[in-house]
PDB file of N, CA and C in Angstrom:
ATOM      1  N   SER A   1      42.027   2.756 -16.588  1.00  0.00           N
ATOM      2  CA  SER A   1      41.107   3.261 -14.757  1.00  0.00           C
ATOM      3  C   SER A   1      41.260   3.886 -14.442  1.00  0.00           C
ATOM      4  N   ILE A   2      41.006   5.296 -13.603  1.00  0.00           N
ATOM      5  CA  ILE A   2      41.410   6.119 -13.034  1.00  0.00           C
ATOM      6  C   ILE A   2      40.653   5.933 -11.209  1.00  0.00           C
ATOM      7  N   VAL A   3      41.086   6.425 -10.160  1.00  0.00           N
ATOM      8  CA  VAL A   3      40.923   5.870  -9.128  1.00  0.00           C
ATOM      9  C   VAL A   3      40.828   7.511  -8.885  1.00  0.00           C
ATOM     10  N   ILE A   4      39.406   7.475  -8.641  1.00  0.00           N
ATOM     11  CA  ILE A   4      39.170   8.700  -7.552  1.00  0.00           C
ATOM     12  C   ILE A   4      39.061   8.834  -6.113  1.00  0.00           C
ATOM     13  N   GLN A   5      39.778   9.974  -5.313  1.00  0.00           N
ATOM     14  CA  GLN A   5      39.743   9.569  -3.963  1.00  0.00           C
ATOM     15  C   GLN A   5      38.883  10.812  -3.067  1.00  0.00           C
ATOM     16  N   VAL A   6      37.574  10.765  -2.855  1.00  0.00           N
ATOM     17  CA  VAL A   6      37.437  11.660  -2.154  1.00  0.00           C
ATOM     18  C   VAL A   6      37.054  12.412  -0.684  1.00  0.00           C
ATOM     19  N   GLY A   7      36.946  13.317  -0.143  1.00  0.00           N
ATOM     20  CA  GLY A   7      37.190  13.461   1.111  1.00  0.00           C
ATOM     21  C   GLY A   7      38.468  12.832   1.948  1.00  0.00           C
ATOM     22  N   GLN A   8      38.083  13.147   3.460  1.00  0.00           N
ATOM     23  CA  GLN A   8      39.011  12.508   4.634  1.00  0.00           C
ATOM     24  C   GLN A   8      39.350  10.829   4.257  1.00  0.00           C
ATOM     25  N   CYS A   9      38.864  10.499   3.923  1.00  0.00           N
ATOM     26  CA  CYS A   9      38.367   8.366   4.126  1.00  0.00           C
ATOM     27  C   CYS A   9      38.899   8.216   2.926  1.00  0.00           C
ATOM     28  N   GLY A  10      37.459   8.682   1.698  1.00  0.00           N
ATOM     29  CA  GLY A  10      38.948   8.541   0.735  1.00  0.00           C
ATOM     30  C   GLY A  10      40.066   8.697   0.089  1.00  0.00           C
ATOM     31  N   ASN A  11      40.643   9.294   0.919  1.00  0.00           N
ATOM     32  CA  ASN A  11      41.986   9.795   0.541  1.00  0.00           C
ATOM     33  C   ASN A  11      42.443   9.153   1.447  1.00  0.00           C
ATOM     34  N   GLN A  12      42.352   8.385   2.865  1.00  0.00           N
ATOM     35  CA  GLN A  12      43.469   7.344   4.033  1.00  0.00           C
ATOM     36  C   GLN A  12      43.245   5.826   3.181  1.00  0.00           C
ATOM     37  N   VAL A  13      41.952   6.217   2.963  1.00  0.00           N
ATOM     38  CA  VAL A  13      41.809   4.695   1.854  1.00  0.00           C
ATOM     39  C   VAL A  13      42.953   4.283   0.693  1.00  0.00           C
ATOM     40  N   GLY A  14      42.910   5.662  -0.282  1.00  0.00           N
ATOM     41  CA  GLY A  14      44.077   5.341  -1.523  1.00  0.00           C
ATOM     42  C   GLY A  14      45.073   5.411  -1.033  1.00  0.00           C
ATOM     43  N   ARG A  15      44.918   6.271  -0.153  1.00  0.00           N
ATOM     44  CA  ARG A  15      46.672   5.992  -0.040  1.00  0.00           C
ATOM     45  C   ARG A  15      47.268   4.860   0.308  1.00  0.00           C
ATOM     46  N   SER A  16      46.311   4.066   1.762  1.00  0.00           N
ATOM     47  CA  SER A  16      46.930   2.034   1.726  1.00  0.00           C
ATOM     48  C   SER A  16      46.661   1.417   0.884  1.00  0.00           C
ATOM     49  N   PHE A  17      45.871   1.549  -0.393  1.00  0.00           N
ATOM     50  CA  PHE A  17      45.560   1.406  -1.724  1.00  0.00           C
ATOM     51  C   PHE A  17      46.769   1.196  -2.768  1.00  0.00           C
ATOM     52  N   TRP A  18      47.363   2.309  -2.910  1.00  0.00           N
ATOM     53  CA  TRP A  18      48.512   3.014  -4.121  1.00  0.00           C
ATOM     54  C   TRP A  18      49.715   2.106  -2.939  1.00  0.00           C
ATOM     55  N   ASP A  19      49.526   1.898  -1.755  1.00  0.00           N
ATOM     56  CA  ASP A  19      51.022   1.556  -0.908  1.00  0.00           C
ATOM     57  C   ASP A  19      50.957  -0.154  -0.964  1.00  0.00           C
ATOM     58  N   LEU A  20      49.688  -0.590  -1.371  1.00  0.00           N
ATOM     59  CA  LEU A  20      50.119  -1.776  -1.259  1.00  0.00           C
ATOM     60  C   LEU A  20      50.353  -2.019  -2.939  1.00  0.00           C
ATOM     61  N   ALA A  21      49.360  -1.226  -3.712  1.00  0.00           N
ATOM     62  CA  ALA A  21      49.686  -1.723  -5.151  1.00  0.00           C
ATOM     63  C   ALA A  21      51.556  -1.758  -5.656  1.00  0.00           C
ATOM     64  N   LEU A  22      51.681  -1.330  -5.346  1.00  0.00           N
ATOM     65  CA  LEU A  22      53.214  -0.293  -5.624  1.00  0.00           C
ATOM     66  C   LEU A  22      53.951  -1.911  -5.050  1.00  0.00           C
ATOM     67  N   ARG A  23      53.791  -1.792  -3.719  1.00  0.00           N
ATOM     68  CA  ARG A  23      54.394  -3.467  -2.976  1.00  0.00           C
ATOM     69  C   ARG A  23      54.102  -4.346  -3.354  1.00  0.00           C
ATOM     70  N   GLU A  24      52.869  -4.802  -3.894  1.00  0.00           N
ATOM     71  CA  GLU A  24      52.582  -6.147  -4.377  1.00  0.00           C
ATOM     72  C   GLU A  24      52.701  -6.243  -5.695  1.00  0.00           C
ATOM     73  N   HIS A  25      53.284  -4.991  -6.457  1.00  0.00           N
ATOM     74  CA  HIS A  25      53.923  -5.369  -7.872  1.00  0.00           C
ATOM     75  C   HIS A  25      55.816  -5.205  -7.910  1.00  0.00           C
ATOM     76  N   ALA A  26      56.272  -4.779  -6.953  1.00  0.00           N
ATOM     77  CA  ALA A  26      57.477  -4.975  -6.666  1.00  0.00           C
ATOM     78  C   ALA A  26      58.023  -6.350  -5.925  1.00  0.00           C
ATOM     79  N   HIS A  27      56.603  -7.345  -5.355  1.00  0.00           N
ATOM     80  CA  HIS A  27      57.315  -8.221  -5.115  1.00  0.00           C
ATOM     81  C   HIS A  27      57.331  -9.177  -6.365  1.00  0.00           C
ATOM     82  N   TRP A  28      56.299  -8.884  -7.142  1.00  0.00           N
ATOM     83  CA  TRP A  28      56.060 -10.351  -8.660  1.00  0.00           C
ATOM     84  C   TRP A  28      57.477  -9.338  -9.736  1.00  0.00           C
ATOM     85  N   ASN A  29      57.476  -8.197  -9.795  1.00  0.00           N
ATOM     86  CA  ASN A  29      58.289  -7.586 -10.616  1.00  0.00           C
ATOM     87  C   ASN A  29      59.769  -7.161 -10.091  1.00  0.00           C
ATOM     88  N   LYS A  30      61.026  -8.528 -10.777  1.00  0.00           N
ATOM     89  CA  LYS A  30      61.781  -8.007  -9.917  1.00  0.00           C
ATOM     90  C   LYS A  30      62.611  -6.729 -10.876  1.00  0.00           C
ATOM     91  N   ALA A  31      62.230  -7.166 -12.122  1.00  0.00           N
ATOM     92  CA  ALA A  31      62.904  -6.628 -13.517  1.00  0.00           C
ATOM     93  C   ALA A  31      62.771  -5.331 -13.505  1.00  0.00           C
ATOM     94  N   GLY A  32      61.801  -5.195 -12.151  1.00  0.00           N
ATOM     95  CA  GLY A  32      61.488  -2.716 -12.631  1.00  0.00           C
ATOM     96  C   GLY A  32      60.895  -3.156 -13.860  1.00  0.00           C
ATOM     97  N   LEU A  33      60.009  -3.545 -14.855  1.00  0.00           N
ATOM     98  CA  LEU A  33      60.394  -3.382 -15.871  1.00  0.00           C
ATOM     99  C   LEU A  33      58.005  -2.326 -16.243  1.00  0.00           C
ATOM    100  N   PHE A  34      57.125  -1.621 -16.827  1.00  0.00           N
ATOM    101  CA  PHE A  34      56.366  -1.295 -16.782  1.00  0.00           C
ATOM    102  C   PHE A  34      55.756  -2.516 -17.970  1.00  0.00           C
ATOM    103  N   ASP A  35      54.528  -2.894 -16.925  1.00  0.00           N
ATOM    104  CA  ASP A  35      53.974  -3.678 -17.882  1.00  0.00           C
ATOM    105  C   ASP A  35      52.085  -3.811 -17.839  1.00  0.00           C
ATOM    106  N   GLU A  36      51.675  -4.080 -18.335  1.00  0.00           N
ATOM    107  CA  GLU A  36      50.008  -4.207 -18.413  1.00  0.00           C
ATOM    108  C   GLU A  36      49.203  -4.037 -17.008  1.00  0.00           C
ATOM    109  N   PRO A  37      49.487  -5.056 -16.141  1.00  0.00           N
ATOM    110  CA  PRO A  37      49.059  -4.767 -15.262  1.00  0.00           C
ATOM    111  C   PRO A  37      49.742  -3.923 -14.316  1.00  0.00           C
ATOM    112  N   LEU A  38      50.989  -2.997 -14.280  1.00  0.00           N
ATOM    113  CA  LEU A  38      51.035  -1.874 -13.655  1.00  0.00           C
ATOM    114  C   LEU A  38      50.328  -0.434 -14.348  1.00  0.00           C
ATOM    115  N   ASN A  39      50.580  -0.705 -15.781  1.00  0.00           N
ATOM    116  CA  ASN A  39      49.701   0.307 -17.072  1.00  0.00           C
ATOM    117  C   ASN A  39      48.593   0.339 -16.273  1.00  0.00           C
ATOM    118  N   THR A  40      47.452  -0.453 -15.353  1.00  0.00           N
ATOM    119  CA  THR A  40      45.978  -0.614 -15.129  1.00  0.00           C
ATOM    120  C   THR A  40      46.135   0.816 -14.088  1.00  0.00           C
ATOM    121  N   PHE A  41      46.853   1.190 -13.231  1.00  0.00           N
ATOM    122  CA  PHE A  41      46.620   2.091 -12.375  1.00  0.00           C
ATOM    123  C   PHE A  41      48.216   3.871 -12.534  1.00  0.00           C
ATOM    124  N   PHE A  42      48.853   3.070 -13.189  1.00  0.00           N
ATOM    125  CA  PHE A  42      50.132   4.121 -13.241  1.00  0.00           C
ATOM    126  C   PHE A  42      50.718   4.335 -14.331  1.00  0.00           C
ATOM    127  N   ARG A  43      51.224   5.824 -14.331  1.00  0.00           N
ATOM    128  CA  ARG A  43      51.382   6.082 -16.142  1.00  0.00           C
ATOM    129  C   ARG A  43      53.076   5.874 -15.942  1.00  0.00           C
ATOM    130  N   ASN A  44      53.731   5.696 -17.120  1.00  0.00           N
ATOM    131  CA  ASN A  44      55.137   5.521 -16.695  1.00  0.00           C
ATOM    132  C   ASN A  44      55.390   7.152 -17.461  1.00  0.00           C
ATOM    133  N   VAL A  45      55.972   7.731 -17.061  1.00  0.00           N
ATOM    134  CA  VAL A  45      56.432   9.194 -17.378  1.00  0.00           C
ATOM    135  C   VAL A  45      58.095   9.316 -17.597  1.00  0.00           C
ATOM    136  N   ASP A  46      58.413  10.109 -17.909  1.00  0.00           N
ATOM    137  CA  ASP A  46      60.217  10.942 -18.447  1.00  0.00           C
ATOM    138  C   ASP A  46      60.151  11.901 -17.929  1.00  0.00           C
ATOM    139  N   SER A  47      60.944  12.338 -17.140  1.00  0.00           N
ATOM    140  CA  SER A  47      61.362  13.267 -16.726  1.00  0.00           C
ATOM    141  C   SER A  47      60.814  15.207 -16.870  1.00  0.00           C
ATOM    142  N   LYS A  48      59.653  14.855 -18.437  1.00  0.00           N
ATOM    143  CA  LYS A  48      59.662  16.104 -18.626  1.00  0.00           C
ATOM    144  C   LYS A  48      57.603  15.926 -17.934  1.00  0.00           C
ATOM    145  N   GLY A  49      57.468  14.922 -17.903  1.00  0.00           N
ATOM    146  CA  GLY A  49      55.887  14.190 -17.838  1.00  0.00           C
ATOM    147  C   GLY A  49      55.328  13.337 -18.714  1.00  0.00           C
ATOM    148  N   ASN A  50      56.187  13.623 -19.546  1.00  0.00           N
ATOM    149  CA  ASN A  50      56.095  12.776 -20.889  1.00  0.00           C
ATOM    150  C   ASN A  50      55.286  11.388 -20.814  1.00  0.00           C
ATOM    151  N   ASP A  51      54.377  10.590 -20.749  1.00  0.00           N
ATOM    152  CA  ASP A  51      53.803   9.063 -20.975  1.00  0.00           C
ATOM    153  C   ASP A  51      54.823   8.739 -22.129  1.00  0.00           C
ATOM    154  N   LEU A  52      55.556   7.523 -21.819  1.00  0.00           N
ATOM    155  CA  LEU A  52      56.052   7.192 -22.211  1.00  0.00           C
ATOM    156  C   LEU A  52      55.319   5.676 -22.399  1.00  0.00           C
ATOM    157  N   PRO A  53      55.603   4.727 -23.602  1.00  0.00           N
ATOM    158  CA  PRO A  53      54.539   3.533 -24.069  1.00  0.00           C
ATOM    159  C   PRO A  53      55.043   2.188 -22.776  1.00  0.00           C
ATOM    160  N   VAL A  54      53.582   1.264 -23.613  1.00  0.00           N
ATOM    161  CA  VAL A  54      54.206   0.163 -22.170  1.00  0.00           C
ATOM    162  C   VAL A  54      55.184  -1.009 -22.950  1.00  0.00           C
ATOM    163  N   ASP A  55      55.263  -1.061 -24.303  1.00  0.00           N
ATOM    164  CA  ASP A  55      55.856  -2.002 -24.731  1.00  0.00           C
ATOM    165  C   ASP A  55      56.237  -3.612 -24.448  1.00  0.00           C
ATOM    166  N   THR A  56      54.175  -3.936 -23.870  1.00  0.00           N
ATOM    167  CA  THR A  56      54.494  -5.009 -23.364  1.00  0.00           C
ATOM    168  C   THR A  56      55.503  -5.598 -22.426  1.00  0.00           C
ATOM    169  N   GLY A  57      55.681  -4.967 -21.297  1.00  0.00           N
ATOM    170  CA  GLY A  57      57.006  -4.956 -20.661  1.00  0.00           C
ATOM    171  C   GLY A  57      57.793  -5.139 -20.612  1.00  0.00           C
ATOM    172  N   LYS A  58      58.481  -4.032 -21.218  1.00  0.00           N
ATOM    173  CA  LYS A  58      60.212  -4.799 -22.421  1.00  0.00           C
ATOM    174  C   LYS A  58      60.652  -2.745 -21.867  1.00  0.00           C
ATOM    175  N   ARG A  59      59.936  -1.997 -21.757  1.00  0.00           N
ATOM    176  CA  ARG A  59      60.657  -0.819 -21.137  1.00  0.00           C
ATOM    177  C   ARG A  59      60.462  -0.633 -19.229  1.00  0.00           C
ATOM    178  N   LYS A  60      61.753   0.022 -18.781  1.00  0.00           N
ATOM    179  CA  LYS A  60      61.825   0.164 -17.833  1.00  0.00           C
ATOM    180  C   LYS A  60      61.017   0.953 -17.139  1.00  0.00           C
ATOM    181  N   ILE A  61      61.301   1.027 -15.761  1.00  0.00           N
ATOM    182  CA  ILE A  61      60.134   2.318 -15.112  1.00  0.00           C
ATOM    183  C   ILE A  61      60.858   3.827 -14.872  1.00  0.00           C
ATOM    184  N   ARG A  62      60.541   4.706 -14.930  1.00  0.00           N
ATOM    185  CA  ARG A  62      61.279   5.344 -14.972  1.00  0.00           C
ATOM    186  C   ARG A  62      60.736   5.865 -14.246  1.00  0.00           C
ATOM    187  N   SER A  63      59.560   6.685 -14.336  1.00  0.00           N
ATOM    188  CA  SER A  63      59.082   7.501 -13.522  1.00  0.00           C
ATOM    189  C   SER A  63      57.645   6.706 -12.946  1.00  0.00           C
ATOM    190  N   LEU A  64      57.094   6.535 -12.141  1.00  0.00           N
ATOM    191  CA  LEU A  64      55.672   6.188 -11.953  1.00  0.00           C
ATOM    192  C   LEU A  64      54.427   7.564 -11.438  1.00  0.00           C
ATOM    193  N   LYS A  65      53.673   7.523 -12.198  1.00  0.00           N
ATOM    194  CA  LYS A  65      52.574   8.380 -12.002  1.00  0.00           C
ATOM    195  C   LYS A  65      51.004   7.962 -11.326  1.00  0.00           C
ATOM    196  N   ALA A  66      50.553   8.012 -10.783  1.00  0.00           N
ATOM    197  CA  ALA A  66      49.152   7.318 -10.809  1.00  0.00           C
ATOM    198  C   ALA A  66      47.871   8.332 -11.452  1.00  0.00           C
ATOM    199  N   ARG A  67      47.095   6.943 -11.491  1.00  0.00           N
ATOM    200  CA  ARG A  67      46.444   7.425 -12.634  1.00  0.00           C
ATOM    201  C   ARG A  67      44.895   7.913 -11.817  1.00  0.00           C
ATOM    202  N   ALA A  68      44.986   8.768 -10.508  1.00  0.00           N
ATOM    203  CA  ALA A  68      44.209   9.026  -9.458  1.00  0.00           C
ATOM    204  C   ALA A  68      44.057  10.860  -9.821  1.00  0.00           C
ATOM    205  N   VAL A  69      42.592  11.170  -8.661  1.00  0.00           N
ATOM    206  CA  VAL A  69      42.363  12.394  -8.414  1.00  0.00           C
ATOM    207  C   VAL A  69      41.563  12.480  -7.182  1.00  0.00           C
ATOM    208  N   LEU A  70      42.543  13.066  -6.822  1.00  0.00           N
ATOM    209  CA  LEU A  70      42.266  13.408  -4.755  1.00  0.00           C
ATOM    210  C   LEU A  70      41.461  14.442  -5.354  1.00  0.00           C
ATOM    211  N   VAL A  71      40.011  14.530  -4.343  1.00  0.00           N
ATOM    212  CA  VAL A  71      39.854  15.424  -4.058  1.00  0.00           C
ATOM    213  C   VAL A  71      39.484  15.891  -2.273  1.00  0.00           C
ATOM    214  N   ASP A  72      38.981  17.074  -2.127  1.00  0.00           N
ATOM    215  CA  ASP A  72      38.852  16.918  -0.261  1.00  0.00           C
ATOM    216  C   ASP A  72      38.406  18.456  -0.195  1.00  0.00           C
ATOM    217  N   MET A  73      37.850  18.574   0.302  1.00  0.00           N
ATOM    218  CA  MET A  73      37.311  20.495   1.218  1.00  0.00           C
ATOM    219  C   MET A  73      38.365  20.506   1.573  1.00  0.00           C
ATOM    220  N   GLU A  74      39.500  20.033   2.874  1.00  0.00           N
ATOM    221  CA  GLU A  74      40.438  20.322   3.325  1.00  0.00           C
ATOM    222  C   GLU A  74      41.275  20.042   2.837  1.00  0.00           C
ATOM    223  N   GLU A  75      43.205  20.271   3.140  1.00  0.00           N
ATOM    224  CA  GLU A  75      44.411  20.200   2.485  1.00  0.00           C
ATOM    225  C   GLU A  75      45.193  19.233   3.549  1.00  0.00           C
ATOM    226  N   GLY A  76      44.686  19.071   3.929  1.00  0.00           N
ATOM    227  CA  GLY A  76      45.614  17.958   5.414  1.00  0.00           C
ATOM    228  C   GLY A  76      45.084  16.497   5.003  1.00  0.00           C
ATOM    229  N   VAL A  77      44.877  15.760   4.404  1.00  0.00           N
ATOM    230  CA  VAL A  77      45.120  14.547   4.245  1.00  0.00           C
ATOM    231  C   VAL A  77      45.334  14.438   2.719  1.00  0.00           C
ATOM    232  N   VAL A  78      45.171  15.760   2.087  1.00  0.00           N
ATOM    233  CA  VAL A  78      46.669  15.193   0.392  1.00  0.00           C
ATOM    234  C   VAL A  78      47.394  15.968   1.056  1.00  0.00           C
ATOM    235  N   SER A  79      48.077  16.463   1.841  1.00  0.00           N
ATOM    236  CA  SER A  79      49.090  17.800   1.963  1.00  0.00           C
ATOM    237  C   SER A  79      50.076  16.257   2.777  1.00  0.00           C
ATOM    238  N   GLU A  80      49.040  15.466   3.586  1.00  0.00           N
ATOM    239  CA  GLU A  80      49.990  14.549   4.101  1.00  0.00           C
ATOM    240  C   GLU A  80      50.282  13.639   3.358  1.00  0.00           C
ATOM    241  N   LEU A  81      48.839  13.194   2.717  1.00  0.00           N
ATOM    242  CA  LEU A  81      49.814  12.332   0.692  1.00  0.00           C
ATOM    243  C   LEU A  81      50.777  13.258   0.803  1.00  0.00           C
ATOM    244  N   LEU A  82      50.864  13.383   0.553  1.00  0.00           N
ATOM    245  CA  LEU A  82      51.750  14.343  -0.946  1.00  0.00           C
ATOM    246  C   LEU A  82      53.490  14.306  -0.316  1.00  0.00           C
ATOM    247  N   HIS A  83      53.224  14.611   1.456  1.00  0.00           N
ATOM    248  CA  HIS A  83      54.576  14.602   2.180  1.00  0.00           C
ATOM    249  C   HIS A  83      55.370  13.552   2.257  1.00  0.00           C
ATOM    250  N   SER A  84      54.437  12.268   2.225  1.00  0.00           N
ATOM    251  CA  SER A  84      54.781  10.991   2.761  1.00  0.00           C
ATOM    252  C   SER A  84      55.842  10.639   1.510  1.00  0.00           C
ATOM    253  N   PRO A  85      56.712   9.148   1.540  1.00  0.00           N
ATOM    254  CA  PRO A  85      57.019   8.528   0.624  1.00  0.00           C
ATOM    255  C   PRO A  85      56.322   7.933  -0.947  1.00  0.00           C
ATOM    256  N   LEU A  86      54.819   8.359  -0.418  1.00  0.00           N
ATOM    257  CA  LEU A  86      53.769   8.232  -2.363  1.00  0.00           C
ATOM    258  C   LEU A  86      53.628   9.297  -2.581  1.00  0.00           C
ATOM    259  N   GLY A  87      54.398  10.396  -2.395  1.00  0.00           N
ATOM    260  CA  GLY A  87      54.305  11.705  -2.918  1.00  0.00           C
ATOM    261  C   GLY A  87      54.545  12.249  -4.073  1.00  0.00           C
ATOM    262  N   GLU A  88      55.899  10.995  -4.348  1.00  0.00           N
ATOM    263  CA  GLU A  88      55.724  11.891  -5.714  1.00  0.00           C
ATOM    264  C   GLU A  88      55.638  11.131  -7.076  1.00  0.00           C
ATOM    265  N   VAL A  89      54.726   9.887  -6.766  1.00  0.00           N
ATOM    266  CA  VAL A  89      53.445   9.027  -7.236  1.00  0.00           C
ATOM    267  C   VAL A  89      52.304  10.607  -7.604  1.00  0.00           C
ATOM    268  N   PHE A  90      52.296  11.593  -7.336  1.00  0.00           N
ATOM    269  CA  PHE A  90      51.263  11.944  -7.320  1.00  0.00           C
ATOM    270  C   PHE A  90      51.764  13.871  -7.736  1.00  0.00           C
ATOM    271  N   ASP A  91      50.798  13.810  -8.550  1.00  0.00           N
ATOM    272  CA  ASP A  91      51.133  16.018  -9.269  1.00  0.00           C
ATOM    273  C   ASP A  91      50.385  15.892  -8.559  1.00  0.00           C
ATOM    274  N   HIS A  92      50.508  17.593  -9.292  1.00  0.00           N
ATOM    275  CA  HIS A  92      49.541  18.356  -8.316  1.00  0.00           C
ATOM    276  C   HIS A  92      48.767  18.920  -9.101  1.00  0.00           C
ATOM    277  N   ARG A  93      48.347  17.928 -10.722  1.00  0.00           N
ATOM    278  CA  ARG A  93      47.273  19.157 -11.126  1.00  0.00           C
ATOM    279  C   ARG A  93      46.609  17.513 -11.195  1.00  0.00           C
ATOM    280  N   GLN A  94      46.554  16.684  -9.986  1.00  0.00           N
ATOM    281  CA  GLN A  94      45.872  15.773 -10.003  1.00  0.00           C
ATOM    282  C   GLN A  94      44.960  15.585  -8.524  1.00  0.00           C
ATOM    283  N   LEU A  95      45.004  17.083  -7.997  1.00  0.00           N
ATOM    284  CA  LEU A  95      44.193  17.494  -6.534  1.00  0.00           C
ATOM    285  C   LEU A  95      43.511  18.523  -7.094  1.00  0.00           C
ATOM    286  N   ILE A  96      42.428  18.542  -5.774  1.00  0.00           N
ATOM    287  CA  ILE A  96      41.477  19.598  -6.132  1.00  0.00           C
ATOM    288  C   ILE A  96      41.180  19.526  -4.424  1.00  0.00           C
ATOM    289  N   THR A  97      41.757  20.551  -3.312  1.00  0.00           N
ATOM    290  CA  THR A  97      41.584  21.162  -2.421  1.00  0.00           C
ATOM    291  C   THR A  97      40.873  22.214  -2.586  1.00  0.00           C
ATOM    292  N   ASP A  98      40.839  22.266  -1.228  1.00  0.00           N
ATOM    293  CA  ASP A  98      40.496  24.318  -0.913  1.00  0.00           C
ATOM    294  C   ASP A  98      40.725  24.313   0.981  1.00  0.00           C
ATOM    295  N   VAL A  99      41.117  25.309   1.067  1.00  0.00           N
ATOM    296  CA  VAL A  99      42.193  25.570   2.019  1.00  0.00           C
ATOM    297  C   VAL A  99      41.458  25.507   2.873  1.00  0.00           C
ATOM    298  N   SER A 100      40.053  26.371   2.959  1.00  0.00           N
ATOM    299  CA  SER A 100      39.304  26.724   4.164  1.00  0.00           C
ATOM    300  C   SER A 100      38.921  25.623   5.051  1.00  0.00           C
ATOM    301  N   GLY A 101      38.690  24.538   3.940  1.00  0.00           N
ATOM    302  CA  GLY A 101      37.647  22.896   4.747  1.00  0.00           C
ATOM    303  C   GLY A 101      36.389  23.530   4.855  1.00  0.00           C
ATOM    304  N   SER A 102      35.652  22.375   5.166  1.00  0.00           N
ATOM    305  CA  SER A 102      34.021  22.184   5.573  1.00  0.00           C
ATOM    306  C   SER A 102      33.924  22.890   6.488  1.00  0.00           C
ATOM    307  N   GLY A 103      34.625  21.983   7.840  1.00  0.00           N
ATOM    308  CA  GLY A 103      34.222  21.861   8.912  1.00  0.00           C
ATOM    309  C   GLY A 103      32.683  21.115   9.642  1.00  0.00           C
ATOM    310  N   ASN A 104      32.832  20.348   8.603  1.00  0.00           N
ATOM    311  CA  ASN A 104      32.420  19.380   8.573  1.00  0.00           C
ATOM    312  C   ASN A 104      30.339  19.939   9.170  1.00  0.00           C
ATOM    313  N   ASN A 105      30.686  21.217   7.542  1.00  0.00           N
ATOM    314  CA  ASN A 105      29.345  21.807   7.226  1.00  0.00           C
ATOM    315  C   ASN A 105      28.994  22.037   5.834  1.00  0.00           C
ATOM    316  N   TRP A 106      28.384  20.366   5.273  1.00  0.00           N
ATOM    317  CA  TRP A 106      28.403  19.748   3.879  1.00  0.00           C
ATOM    318  C   TRP A 106      27.803  21.223   2.837  1.00  0.00           C
ATOM    319  N   ALA A 107      27.514  21.659   3.323  1.00  0.00           N
ATOM    320  CA  ALA A 107      26.773  23.130   2.401  1.00  0.00           C
ATOM    321  C   ALA A 107      28.223  23.986   2.034  1.00  0.00           C
ATOM    322  N   VAL A 108      29.428  23.850   2.560  1.00  0.00           N
ATOM    323  CA  VAL A 108      30.391  24.763   1.540  1.00  0.00           C
ATOM    324  C   VAL A 108      30.884  24.277   0.913  1.00  0.00           C
ATOM    325  N   GLY A 109      30.600  22.976   0.742  1.00  0.00           N
ATOM    326  CA  GLY A 109      30.991  22.085  -0.300  1.00  0.00           C
ATOM    327  C   GLY A 109      30.204  22.397  -1.656  1.00  0.00           C
ATOM    328  N   TYR A 110      28.682  22.324  -1.108  1.00  0.00           N
ATOM    329  CA  TYR A 110      27.710  23.237  -2.486  1.00  0.00           C
ATOM    330  C   TYR A 110      27.857  24.268  -3.550  1.00  0.00           C
ATOM    331  N   LYS A 111      28.214  25.281  -2.538  1.00  0.00           N
ATOM    332  CA  LYS A 111      28.358  26.282  -3.804  1.00  0.00           C
ATOM    333  C   LYS A 111      28.589  26.659  -4.707  1.00  0.00           C
TER     334      LYS A 111
END
């Protein structure tokens, strides 16, 4: 699965989703193992960003990266997410933003 978050609302809802997904999994997976349910929305990566195999729940969680793409015409909401405690779950390669924003002018996004 890949979650695609678009616009201010999509990214704010996505922020709540990722927070809930992590808290719920932490509640049920006390051993901190990377298993199939966690693999649905996250990648387990090493220090170089390479994916680690799932190993049917036998491998410890190293570093989680969300399976997501964040899209917004303004970088404000995405920037807030990156500077929050959830920020380490996202990689700069997963972001599509524009500095100028659309100012509620949808034609700017159409260019």
